[in-house]
Amino acid sequence: MYQPVVPLSGVAGWRFLERTEAAQRQAFEGSARIQRDAAYFQERIADVSSARDLVADRRMLAVALGAFGLDDDLYKTAFLERMLSEGTDDPQSLANKFVDPRYTAFSKAFGFGDLGGPHVARAGFGQDIVARYKERQFEIAVGNSDESMRLAMTFRREIAGLAAAASDGANGTQWYRIMGSNPLRSVVEAAFGLPARFAGLDVDRQREMLEDKTSRMFGTSSVAAFREPEAVDKIISRFLVRRQAEAGPTAGTPGAAALTLLQSAGSTGLTNLILSSAR
């Protein structure tokens, strides 16, 4: 199984990953296990006629869940069967009760409980789910080397859809979706330098603060600001800088040897200066 390489932390590591991502993805997706799981799913999914059939096949279910970042729910079969069976047409269905948008997306994609019926036999359905599965499995593999990189990749992918759906004015719905997603929330909170107590505030107050921070940085309080690649890159860079600062210098940090000497001498001011320059 190919393990993606991220030799540096922080922004330097992110730039390395950007430059090598296409080649590393290709190597990862060519791994035997990924190929076997993808082939198994595509060969069988069109014959699945119900939510019960899907959850009964653990191997196929693993790919389906992995495509939506729900790998940890693999053994919650009763919960998953109910969610898929109820669909998303009814606002009161189980999937629609979750703030986390992954559950609604998962149930809607398969369509078992919706009026139009299951989507599994539609042309291209299997390929689309497998493509999503491969993408998220690569992110997980990157996270095995550096969890901050995985969060940054998840933010880059998910914010694109939310930004596209946002209006040009303030759009509270999209901000609530961001707050409901742990990876997105982690990135924006760190990027904006929000304190730990932020999570304990009323959700409407949290949204207002996020809108204010976004407006100050990008000139608009809407999630639509992240349609611009430069805005996404700025948030990711700020997130990684703060994460690296919290973790402290590593062997791969520029000036790490000098920092060690300075810290042992108690030169806090110079240490911070060198860290700032390295970013």
C-alpha atoms as a PDB file:
ATOM      1  CA  MET A   1       0.000   0.000   0.000  1.00  0.00           C
ATOM      2  CA  TYR A   2       1.540   3.287  -1.065  1.00  0.00           C
ATOM      3  CA  GLN A   3       1.914   5.801   1.791  1.00  0.00           C
ATOM      4  CA  PRO A   4       1.891   9.459   0.671  1.00  0.00           C
ATOM      5  CA  VAL A   5       5.003  11.415   1.612  1.00  0.00           C
ATOM      6  CA  VAL A   6       4.864  14.769   3.411  1.00  0.00           C
ATOM      7  CA  PRO A   7       8.445  15.474   4.542  1.00  0.00           C
ATOM      8  CA  LEU A   8       7.781  18.920   6.001  1.00  0.00           C
ATOM      9  CA  SER A   9       5.135  20.425   8.262  1.00  0.00           C
ATOM     10  CA  GLY A  10       3.321  23.734   7.919  1.00  0.00           C
ATOM     11  CA  VAL A  11       3.097  25.788   4.739  1.00  0.00           C
ATOM     12  CA  ALA A  12       6.332  24.306   3.335  1.00  0.00           C
ATOM     13  CA  GLY A  13       4.826  20.832   3.597  1.00  0.00           C
ATOM     14  CA  TRP A  14       1.604  22.016   1.965  1.00  0.00           C
ATOM     15  CA  ARG A  15       3.504  23.485  -0.991  1.00  0.00           C
ATOM     16  CA  PHE A  16       5.397  20.200  -1.388  1.00  0.00           C
ATOM     17  CA  LEU A  17       2.111  18.279  -1.321  1.00  0.00           C
ATOM     18  CA  GLU A  18       0.574  20.591  -3.935  1.00  0.00           C
ATOM     19  CA  ARG A  19       3.527  20.051  -6.266  1.00  0.00           C
ATOM     20  CA  THR A  20       3.546  16.260  -5.901  1.00  0.00           C
ATOM     21  CA  GLU A  21      -0.142  15.569  -5.331  1.00  0.00           C
ATOM     22  CA  ALA A  22      -1.030  14.313  -8.822  1.00  0.00           C
ATOM     23  CA  ALA A  23       1.820  11.794  -8.877  1.00  0.00           C
ATOM     24  CA  GLN A  24       1.195  10.684  -5.295  1.00  0.00           C
ATOM     25  CA  ARG A  25      -2.521  10.225  -5.926  1.00  0.00           C
ATOM     26  CA  GLN A  26      -1.787   8.090  -8.959  1.00  0.00           C
ATOM     27  CA  ALA A  27       0.582   5.881  -6.965  1.00  0.00           C
ATOM     28  CA  PHE A  28      -1.895   5.577  -4.087  1.00  0.00           C
ATOM     29  CA  GLU A  29      -4.873   4.750  -6.292  1.00  0.00           C
ATOM     30  CA  GLY A  30      -2.787   2.093  -8.027  1.00  0.00           C
ATOM     31  CA  SER A  31      -2.318   0.246  -4.732  1.00  0.00           C
ATOM     32  CA  ALA A  32      -3.687  -3.311  -4.802  1.00  0.00           C
ATOM     33  CA  ARG A  33      -6.205  -2.868  -1.949  1.00  0.00           C
ATOM     34  CA  ILE A  34      -7.690   0.297  -3.421  1.00  0.00           C
ATOM     35  CA  GLN A  35      -8.003  -1.361  -6.823  1.00  0.00           C
ATOM     36  CA  ARG A  36      -9.650  -4.475  -5.372  1.00  0.00           C
ATOM     37  CA  ASP A  37     -12.169  -2.548  -3.265  1.00  0.00           C
ATOM     38  CA  ALA A  38     -13.059  -0.255  -6.176  1.00  0.00           C
ATOM     39  CA  ALA A  39     -13.583  -3.169  -8.552  1.00  0.00           C
ATOM     40  CA  TYR A  40     -15.693  -5.093  -6.024  1.00  0.00           C
ATOM     41  CA  PHE A  41     -18.007  -2.118  -5.506  1.00  0.00           C
ATOM     42  CA  GLN A  42     -18.441  -1.296  -9.173  1.00  0.00           C
ATOM     43  CA  GLU A  43     -19.171  -4.905 -10.123  1.00  0.00           C
ATOM     44  CA  ARG A  44     -21.954  -5.321  -7.551  1.00  0.00           C
ATOM     45  CA  ILE A  45     -23.592  -1.989  -6.717  1.00  0.00           C
ATOM     46  CA  ALA A  46     -26.076  -1.986  -9.607  1.00  0.00           C
ATOM     47  CA  ASP A  47     -27.653  -5.186  -8.239  1.00  0.00           C
ATOM     48  CA  VAL A  48     -28.324  -3.706  -4.794  1.00  0.00           C
ATOM     49  CA  SER A  49     -32.060  -3.105  -4.471  1.00  0.00           C
ATOM     50  CA  SER A  50     -32.428  -1.836  -0.897  1.00  0.00           C
ATOM     51  CA  ALA A  51     -30.659  -0.207   2.022  1.00  0.00           C
ATOM     52  CA  ARG A  52     -30.698  -3.572   3.792  1.00  0.00           C
ATOM     53  CA  ASP A  53     -28.816  -5.174   0.909  1.00  0.00           C
ATOM     54  CA  LEU A  54     -26.123  -2.513   1.045  1.00  0.00           C
ATOM     55  CA  VAL A  55     -25.501  -2.609   4.789  1.00  0.00           C
ATOM     56  CA  ALA A  56     -25.436  -6.421   4.694  1.00  0.00           C
ATOM     57  CA  ASP A  57     -22.344  -6.359   2.474  1.00  0.00           C
ATOM     58  CA  ARG A  58     -19.633  -4.982   4.760  1.00  0.00           C
ATOM     59  CA  ARG A  59     -17.055  -4.660   1.997  1.00  0.00           C
ATOM     60  CA  MET A  60     -19.345  -2.712  -0.310  1.00  0.00           C
ATOM     61  CA  LEU A  61     -20.607  -0.599   2.591  1.00  0.00           C
ATOM     62  CA  ALA A  62     -17.025   0.359   3.477  1.00  0.00           C
ATOM     63  CA  VAL A  63     -16.553   1.912   0.038  1.00  0.00           C
ATOM     64  CA  ALA A  64     -19.944   3.652   0.177  1.00  0.00           C
ATOM     65  CA  LEU A  65     -19.213   5.188   3.580  1.00  0.00           C
ATOM     66  CA  GLY A  66     -15.632   6.009   2.682  1.00  0.00           C
ATOM     67  CA  ALA A  67     -16.875   8.031  -0.278  1.00  0.00           C
ATOM     68  CA  PHE A  68     -18.529  10.430   2.170  1.00  0.00           C
ATOM     69  CA  GLY A  69     -15.950  10.407   4.943  1.00  0.00           C
ATOM     70  CA  LEU A  70     -18.134   8.245   7.171  1.00  0.00           C
ATOM     71  CA  ASP A  71     -15.682   5.354   7.595  1.00  0.00           C
ATOM     72  CA  ASP A  72     -16.135   5.287  11.380  1.00  0.00           C
ATOM     73  CA  ASP A  73     -19.839   4.366  10.997  1.00  0.00           C
ATOM     74  CA  LEU A  74     -19.156   1.004   9.335  1.00  0.00           C
ATOM     75  CA  TYR A  75     -20.540  -1.069  12.195  1.00  0.00           C
ATOM     76  CA  LYS A  76     -23.648   1.070  12.828  1.00  0.00           C
ATOM     77  CA  THR A  77     -25.714  -1.052  10.463  1.00  0.00           C
ATOM     78  CA  ALA A  78     -29.162  -0.476  12.007  1.00  0.00           C
ATOM     79  CA  PHE A  79     -28.578   3.273  12.082  1.00  0.00           C
ATOM     80  CA  LEU A  80     -27.338   3.306   8.477  1.00  0.00           C
ATOM     81  CA  GLU A  81     -30.195   1.159   7.192  1.00  0.00           C
ATOM     82  CA  ARG A  82     -32.752   3.483   8.743  1.00  0.00           C
ATOM     83  CA  MET A  83     -31.024   6.576   7.391  1.00  0.00           C
ATOM     84  CA  LEU A  84     -30.813   5.216   3.870  1.00  0.00           C
ATOM     85  CA  SER A  85     -34.358   3.814   3.942  1.00  0.00           C
ATOM     86  CA  GLU A  86     -35.890   7.132   5.017  1.00  0.00           C
ATOM     87  CA  GLY A  87     -34.117   9.087   2.280  1.00  0.00           C
ATOM     88  CA  THR A  88     -33.957  12.879   2.245  1.00  0.00           C
ATOM     89  CA  ASP A  89     -37.234  14.033   0.632  1.00  0.00           C
ATOM     90  CA  ASP A  90     -38.906  14.332   4.043  1.00  0.00           C
ATOM     91  CA  PRO A  91     -37.436  17.242   6.082  1.00  0.00           C
ATOM     92  CA  GLN A  92     -37.987  15.105   9.189  1.00  0.00           C
ATOM     93  CA  SER A  93     -36.027  12.124   7.907  1.00  0.00           C
ATOM     94  CA  LEU A  94     -33.111  10.928  10.002  1.00  0.00           C
ATOM     95  CA  ALA A  95     -30.413  12.217   7.636  1.00  0.00           C
ATOM     96  CA  ASN A  96     -31.915  15.709   7.617  1.00  0.00           C
ATOM     97  CA  LYS A  97     -31.816  15.913  11.408  1.00  0.00           C
ATOM     98  CA  PHE A  98     -28.011  16.004  11.449  1.00  0.00           C
ATOM     99  CA  VAL A  99     -26.109  19.274  11.220  1.00  0.00           C
ATOM    100  CA  ASP A 100     -23.234  17.339   9.678  1.00  0.00           C
ATOM    101  CA  PRO A 101     -23.954  17.531   5.916  1.00  0.00           C
ATOM    102  CA  ARG A 102     -22.239  14.230   5.163  1.00  0.00           C
ATOM    103  CA  TYR A 103     -25.245  12.193   6.276  1.00  0.00           C
ATOM    104  CA  THR A 104     -27.669  14.007   4.014  1.00  0.00           C
ATOM    105  CA  ALA A 105     -25.249  13.731   1.092  1.00  0.00           C
ATOM    106  CA  PHE A 106     -24.781  10.011   1.721  1.00  0.00           C
ATOM    107  CA  SER A 107     -28.487   9.205   1.883  1.00  0.00           C
ATOM    108  CA  LYS A 108     -29.360  11.462  -1.052  1.00  0.00           C
ATOM    109  CA  ALA A 109     -26.671   9.970  -3.282  1.00  0.00           C
ATOM    110  CA  PHE A 110     -28.104   6.443  -2.975  1.00  0.00           C
ATOM    111  CA  GLY A 111     -31.772   7.503  -3.030  1.00  0.00           C
ATOM    112  CA  PHE A 112     -33.207   4.356  -1.458  1.00  0.00           C
ATOM    113  CA  GLY A 113     -35.929   6.214   0.442  1.00  0.00           C
ATOM    114  CA  ASP A 114     -36.683   8.984  -2.050  1.00  0.00           C
ATOM    115  CA  LEU A 115     -39.544   9.193  -4.538  1.00  0.00           C
ATOM    116  CA  GLY A 116     -37.282   8.697  -7.522  1.00  0.00           C
ATOM    117  CA  GLY A 117     -36.035   5.403  -6.140  1.00  0.00           C
ATOM    118  CA  PRO A 118     -32.485   4.073  -5.849  1.00  0.00           C
ATOM    119  CA  HIS A 119     -29.791   5.616  -8.010  1.00  0.00           C
ATOM    120  CA  VAL A 120     -27.443   2.636  -7.906  1.00  0.00           C
ATOM    121  CA  ALA A 121     -28.240   1.361 -11.409  1.00  0.00           C
ATOM    122  CA  ARG A 122     -27.820   4.744 -13.078  1.00  0.00           C
ATOM    123  CA  ALA A 123     -25.016   5.106 -15.590  1.00  0.00           C
ATOM    124  CA  GLY A 124     -21.830   6.303 -13.935  1.00  0.00           C
ATOM    125  CA  PHE A 125     -23.090   5.877 -10.364  1.00  0.00           C
ATOM    126  CA  GLY A 126     -20.504   3.276  -9.388  1.00  0.00           C
ATOM    127  CA  GLN A 127     -17.662   5.244 -10.953  1.00  0.00           C
ATOM    128  CA  ASP A 128     -18.692   8.424  -9.146  1.00  0.00           C
ATOM    129  CA  ILE A 129     -18.808   6.754  -5.715  1.00  0.00           C
ATOM    130  CA  VAL A 130     -15.475   5.044  -6.329  1.00  0.00           C
ATOM    131  CA  ALA A 131     -13.874   8.348  -7.372  1.00  0.00           C
ATOM    132  CA  ARG A 132     -15.076   9.939  -4.132  1.00  0.00           C
ATOM    133  CA  TYR A 133     -13.848   6.937  -2.168  1.00  0.00           C
ATOM    134  CA  LYS A 134     -10.371   7.135  -3.667  1.00  0.00           C
ATOM    135  CA  GLU A 135     -10.168  10.863  -3.029  1.00  0.00           C
ATOM    136  CA  ARG A 136     -11.030  10.577   0.634  1.00  0.00           C
ATOM    137  CA  GLN A 137      -8.878   7.501   1.206  1.00  0.00           C
ATOM    138  CA  PHE A 138      -5.932   9.460  -0.146  1.00  0.00           C
ATOM    139  CA  GLU A 139      -6.686  12.246   2.332  1.00  0.00           C
ATOM    140  CA  ILE A 140      -6.772   9.718   5.166  1.00  0.00           C
ATOM    141  CA  ALA A 141      -3.422   8.326   4.051  1.00  0.00           C
ATOM    142  CA  VAL A 142      -1.943  11.837   3.977  1.00  0.00           C
ATOM    143  CA  GLY A 143      -3.321  12.347   7.482  1.00  0.00           C
ATOM    144  CA  ASN A 144      -1.366   9.327   8.668  1.00  0.00           C
ATOM    145  CA  SER A 145       1.744  11.417   7.977  1.00  0.00           C
ATOM    146  CA  ASP A 146       0.367  14.804   9.019  1.00  0.00           C
ATOM    147  CA  GLU A 147      -3.183  15.300  10.269  1.00  0.00           C
ATOM    148  CA  SER A 148      -3.041  19.036   9.577  1.00  0.00           C
ATOM    149  CA  MET A 149      -2.506  18.294   5.889  1.00  0.00           C
ATOM    150  CA  ARG A 150      -5.558  16.069   5.853  1.00  0.00           C
ATOM    151  CA  LEU A 151      -7.663  18.821   7.403  1.00  0.00           C
ATOM    152  CA  ALA A 152      -6.346  21.313   4.848  1.00  0.00           C
ATOM    153  CA  MET A 153      -7.191  18.972   1.959  1.00  0.00           C
ATOM    154  CA  THR A 154     -10.673  18.343   3.340  1.00  0.00           C
ATOM    155  CA  PHE A 155     -11.258  22.084   3.695  1.00  0.00           C
ATOM    156  CA  ARG A 156     -10.101  22.719   0.127  1.00  0.00           C
ATOM    157  CA  ARG A 157     -12.474  20.069  -1.239  1.00  0.00           C
ATOM    158  CA  GLU A 158     -15.580  20.765   0.837  1.00  0.00           C
ATOM    159  CA  ILE A 159     -15.456  24.555   0.872  1.00  0.00           C
ATOM    160  CA  ALA A 160     -15.707  24.611  -2.920  1.00  0.00           C
ATOM    161  CA  GLY A 161     -19.222  23.147  -2.864  1.00  0.00           C
ATOM    162  CA  LEU A 162     -20.387  25.355  -0.008  1.00  0.00           C
ATOM    163  CA  ALA A 163     -19.001  28.482  -1.657  1.00  0.00           C
ATOM    164  CA  ALA A 164     -20.674  27.623  -4.961  1.00  0.00           C
ATOM    165  CA  ALA A 165     -24.040  27.227  -3.193  1.00  0.00           C
ATOM    166  CA  ALA A 166     -23.710  30.449  -1.177  1.00  0.00           C
ATOM    167  CA  SER A 167     -25.321  33.715  -2.192  1.00  0.00           C
ATOM    168  CA  ASP A 168     -23.222  36.828  -2.672  1.00  0.00           C
ATOM    169  CA  GLY A 169     -24.711  38.287   0.493  1.00  0.00           C
ATOM    170  CA  ALA A 170     -24.420  36.852   4.011  1.00  0.00           C
ATOM    171  CA  ASN A 171     -25.549  33.235   3.956  1.00  0.00           C
ATOM    172  CA  GLY A 172     -26.135  31.747   7.396  1.00  0.00           C
ATOM    173  CA  THR A 173     -27.023  28.282   6.110  1.00  0.00           C
ATOM    174  CA  GLN A 174     -23.570  27.667   4.689  1.00  0.00           C
ATOM    175  CA  TRP A 175     -21.894  28.917   7.869  1.00  0.00           C
ATOM    176  CA  TYR A 176     -23.963  26.476   9.928  1.00  0.00           C
ATOM    177  CA  ARG A 177     -22.783  23.687   7.639  1.00  0.00           C
ATOM    178  CA  ILE A 178     -19.195  24.725   8.234  1.00  0.00           C
ATOM    179  CA  MET A 179     -19.767  24.759  11.978  1.00  0.00           C
ATOM    180  CA  GLY A 180     -21.323  21.300  11.717  1.00  0.00           C
ATOM    181  CA  SER A 181     -18.278  19.829  10.003  1.00  0.00           C
ATOM    182  CA  ASN A 182     -15.397  19.121  12.380  1.00  0.00           C
ATOM    183  CA  PRO A 183     -12.655  19.430   9.713  1.00  0.00           C
ATOM    184  CA  LEU A 184     -13.989  22.722   8.322  1.00  0.00           C
ATOM    185  CA  ARG A 185     -14.595  24.107  11.763  1.00  0.00           C
ATOM    186  CA  SER A 186     -11.079  23.223  12.901  1.00  0.00           C
ATOM    187  CA  VAL A 187      -9.529  25.001   9.927  1.00  0.00           C
ATOM    188  CA  VAL A 188     -11.513  28.239  10.103  1.00  0.00           C
ATOM    189  CA  GLU A 189     -11.257  28.539  13.893  1.00  0.00           C
ATOM    190  CA  ALA A 190      -7.477  28.206  13.757  1.00  0.00           C
ATOM    191  CA  ALA A 191      -7.115  30.418  10.679  1.00  0.00           C
ATOM    192  CA  PHE A 192      -9.084  33.212  12.345  1.00  0.00           C
ATOM    193  CA  GLY A 193      -7.266  32.755  15.653  1.00  0.00           C
ATOM    194  CA  LEU A 194     -10.461  32.117  17.597  1.00  0.00           C
ATOM    195  CA  PRO A 195     -10.080  31.136  21.275  1.00  0.00           C
ATOM    196  CA  ALA A 196     -11.055  27.757  22.727  1.00  0.00           C
ATOM    197  CA  ARG A 197     -14.103  29.316  24.396  1.00  0.00           C
ATOM    198  CA  PHE A 198     -15.526  30.158  20.949  1.00  0.00           C
ATOM    199  CA  ALA A 199     -17.062  26.668  20.664  1.00  0.00           C
ATOM    200  CA  GLY A 200     -19.091  27.300  23.820  1.00  0.00           C
ATOM    201  CA  LEU A 201     -20.861  30.379  22.471  1.00  0.00           C
ATOM    202  CA  ASP A 202     -24.404  30.400  21.135  1.00  0.00           C
ATOM    203  CA  VAL A 203     -24.362  29.124  17.542  1.00  0.00           C
ATOM    204  CA  ASP A 204     -25.845  32.352  16.177  1.00  0.00           C
ATOM    205  CA  ARG A 205     -23.094  34.315  17.910  1.00  0.00           C
ATOM    206  CA  GLN A 206     -20.508  31.939  16.443  1.00  0.00           C
ATOM    207  CA  ARG A 207     -21.898  32.542  12.965  1.00  0.00           C
ATOM    208  CA  GLU A 208     -21.814  36.302  13.464  1.00  0.00           C
ATOM    209  CA  MET A 209     -18.173  36.169  14.544  1.00  0.00           C
ATOM    210  CA  LEU A 210     -17.196  34.021  11.566  1.00  0.00           C
ATOM    211  CA  GLU A 211     -18.992  36.401   9.214  1.00  0.00           C
ATOM    212  CA  ASP A 212     -17.237  39.355  10.806  1.00  0.00           C
ATOM    213  CA  LYS A 213     -13.809  37.730  10.511  1.00  0.00           C
ATOM    214  CA  THR A 214     -14.475  36.828   6.887  1.00  0.00           C
ATOM    215  CA  SER A 215     -15.712  40.313   6.062  1.00  0.00           C
ATOM    216  CA  ARG A 216     -12.616  41.908   7.584  1.00  0.00           C
ATOM    217  CA  MET A 217     -10.297  39.593   5.657  1.00  0.00           C
ATOM    218  CA  PHE A 218     -12.069  39.273   2.304  1.00  0.00           C
ATOM    219  CA  GLY A 219     -14.527  42.155   2.079  1.00  0.00           C
ATOM    220  CA  THR A 220     -17.664  39.997   2.302  1.00  0.00           C
ATOM    221  CA  SER A 221     -19.256  38.021   5.109  1.00  0.00           C
ATOM    222  CA  SER A 222     -20.555  35.339   2.751  1.00  0.00           C
ATOM    223  CA  VAL A 223     -19.071  31.895   2.293  1.00  0.00           C
ATOM    224  CA  ALA A 224     -19.068  32.899  -1.383  1.00  0.00           C
ATOM    225  CA  ALA A 225     -15.728  34.572  -0.603  1.00  0.00           C
ATOM    226  CA  PHE A 226     -14.156  31.119  -0.881  1.00  0.00           C
ATOM    227  CA  ARG A 227     -14.986  30.829  -4.559  1.00  0.00           C
ATOM    228  CA  GLU A 228     -11.647  32.544  -5.030  1.00  0.00           C
ATOM    229  CA  PRO A 229      -8.651  30.161  -4.860  1.00  0.00           C
ATOM    230  CA  GLU A 230      -6.582  32.916  -3.257  1.00  0.00           C
ATOM    231  CA  ALA A 231      -9.025  33.128  -0.341  1.00  0.00           C
ATOM    232  CA  VAL A 232      -8.939  29.357   0.176  1.00  0.00           C
ATOM    233  CA  ASP A 233      -5.152  29.365   0.060  1.00  0.00           C
ATOM    234  CA  LYS A 234      -4.974  32.195   2.571  1.00  0.00           C
ATOM    235  CA  ILE A 235      -7.170  30.370   5.067  1.00  0.00           C
ATOM    236  CA  ILE A 236      -5.207  27.141   4.654  1.00  0.00           C
ATOM    237  CA  SER A 237      -1.872  28.938   5.042  1.00  0.00           C
ATOM    238  CA  ARG A 238      -2.999  30.722   8.197  1.00  0.00           C
ATOM    239  CA  PHE A 239      -4.347  27.455   9.599  1.00  0.00           C
ATOM    240  CA  LEU A 240      -1.079  25.615   8.942  1.00  0.00           C
ATOM    241  CA  VAL A 241       1.055  28.418  10.371  1.00  0.00           C
ATOM    242  CA  ARG A 242      -0.931  28.387  13.608  1.00  0.00           C
ATOM    243  CA  ARG A 243      -0.902  24.594  13.827  1.00  0.00           C
ATOM    244  CA  GLN A 244       2.853  24.538  13.307  1.00  0.00           C
ATOM    245  CA  ALA A 245       3.364  27.247  15.911  1.00  0.00           C
ATOM    246  CA  GLU A 246       1.263  25.307  18.421  1.00  0.00           C
ATOM    247  CA  ALA A 247       3.246  22.126  17.768  1.00  0.00           C
ATOM    248  CA  GLY A 248       6.584  23.937  18.022  1.00  0.00           C
ATOM    249  CA  PRO A 249       9.568  23.572  15.715  1.00  0.00           C
ATOM    250  CA  THR A 250      10.481  20.137  14.364  1.00  0.00           C
ATOM    251  CA  ALA A 251      13.619  18.817  12.739  1.00  0.00           C
ATOM    252  CA  GLY A 252      12.177  19.933   9.396  1.00  0.00           C
ATOM    253  CA  THR A 253      11.519  23.502  10.503  1.00  0.00           C
ATOM    254  CA  PRO A 254      13.928  25.996   8.914  1.00  0.00           C
ATOM    255  CA  GLY A 255      16.323  27.210  11.635  1.00  0.00           C
ATOM    256  CA  ALA A 256      15.331  24.417  14.023  1.00  0.00           C
ATOM    257  CA  ALA A 257      18.871  23.850  15.321  1.00  0.00           C
ATOM    258  CA  ALA A 258      19.344  27.531  16.048  1.00  0.00           C
ATOM    259  CA  LEU A 259      15.925  27.665  17.700  1.00  0.00           C
ATOM    260  CA  THR A 260      16.887  24.863  20.059  1.00  0.00           C
ATOM    261  CA  LEU A 261      19.959  26.779  21.191  1.00  0.00           C
ATOM    262  CA  LEU A 262      18.025  30.006  21.602  1.00  0.00           C
ATOM    263  CA  GLN A 263      15.237  28.345  23.569  1.00  0.00           C
ATOM    264  CA  SER A 264      17.711  26.697  25.914  1.00  0.00           C
ATOM    265  CA  ALA A 265      19.169  30.145  26.541  1.00  0.00           C
ATOM    266  CA  GLY A 266      15.727  31.613  27.195  1.00  0.00           C
ATOM    267  CA  SER A 267      15.766  33.911  24.142  1.00  0.00           C
ATOM    268  CA  THR A 268      11.997  33.950  23.660  1.00  0.00           C
ATOM    269  CA  GLY A 269      11.887  37.102  21.578  1.00  0.00           C
ATOM    270  CA  LEU A 270      14.501  35.908  19.084  1.00  0.00           C
ATOM    271  CA  THR A 271      12.852  32.497  18.903  1.00  0.00           C
ATOM    272  CA  ASN A 272       9.537  34.010  17.883  1.00  0.00           C
ATOM    273  CA  LEU A 273      11.310  36.213  15.341  1.00  0.00           C
ATOM    274  CA  ILE A 274      12.978  33.240  13.650  1.00  0.00           C
ATOM    275  CA  LEU A 275       9.739  31.266  13.617  1.00  0.00           C
ATOM    276  CA  SER A 276       7.986  34.236  12.032  1.00  0.00           C
ATOM    277  CA  SER A 277      10.648  34.516   9.351  1.00  0.00           C
ATOM    278  CA  ALA A 278      10.505  30.798   8.580  1.00  0.00           C
ATOM    279  CA  ARG A 279       6.835  31.076   7.654  1.00  0.00           C
END
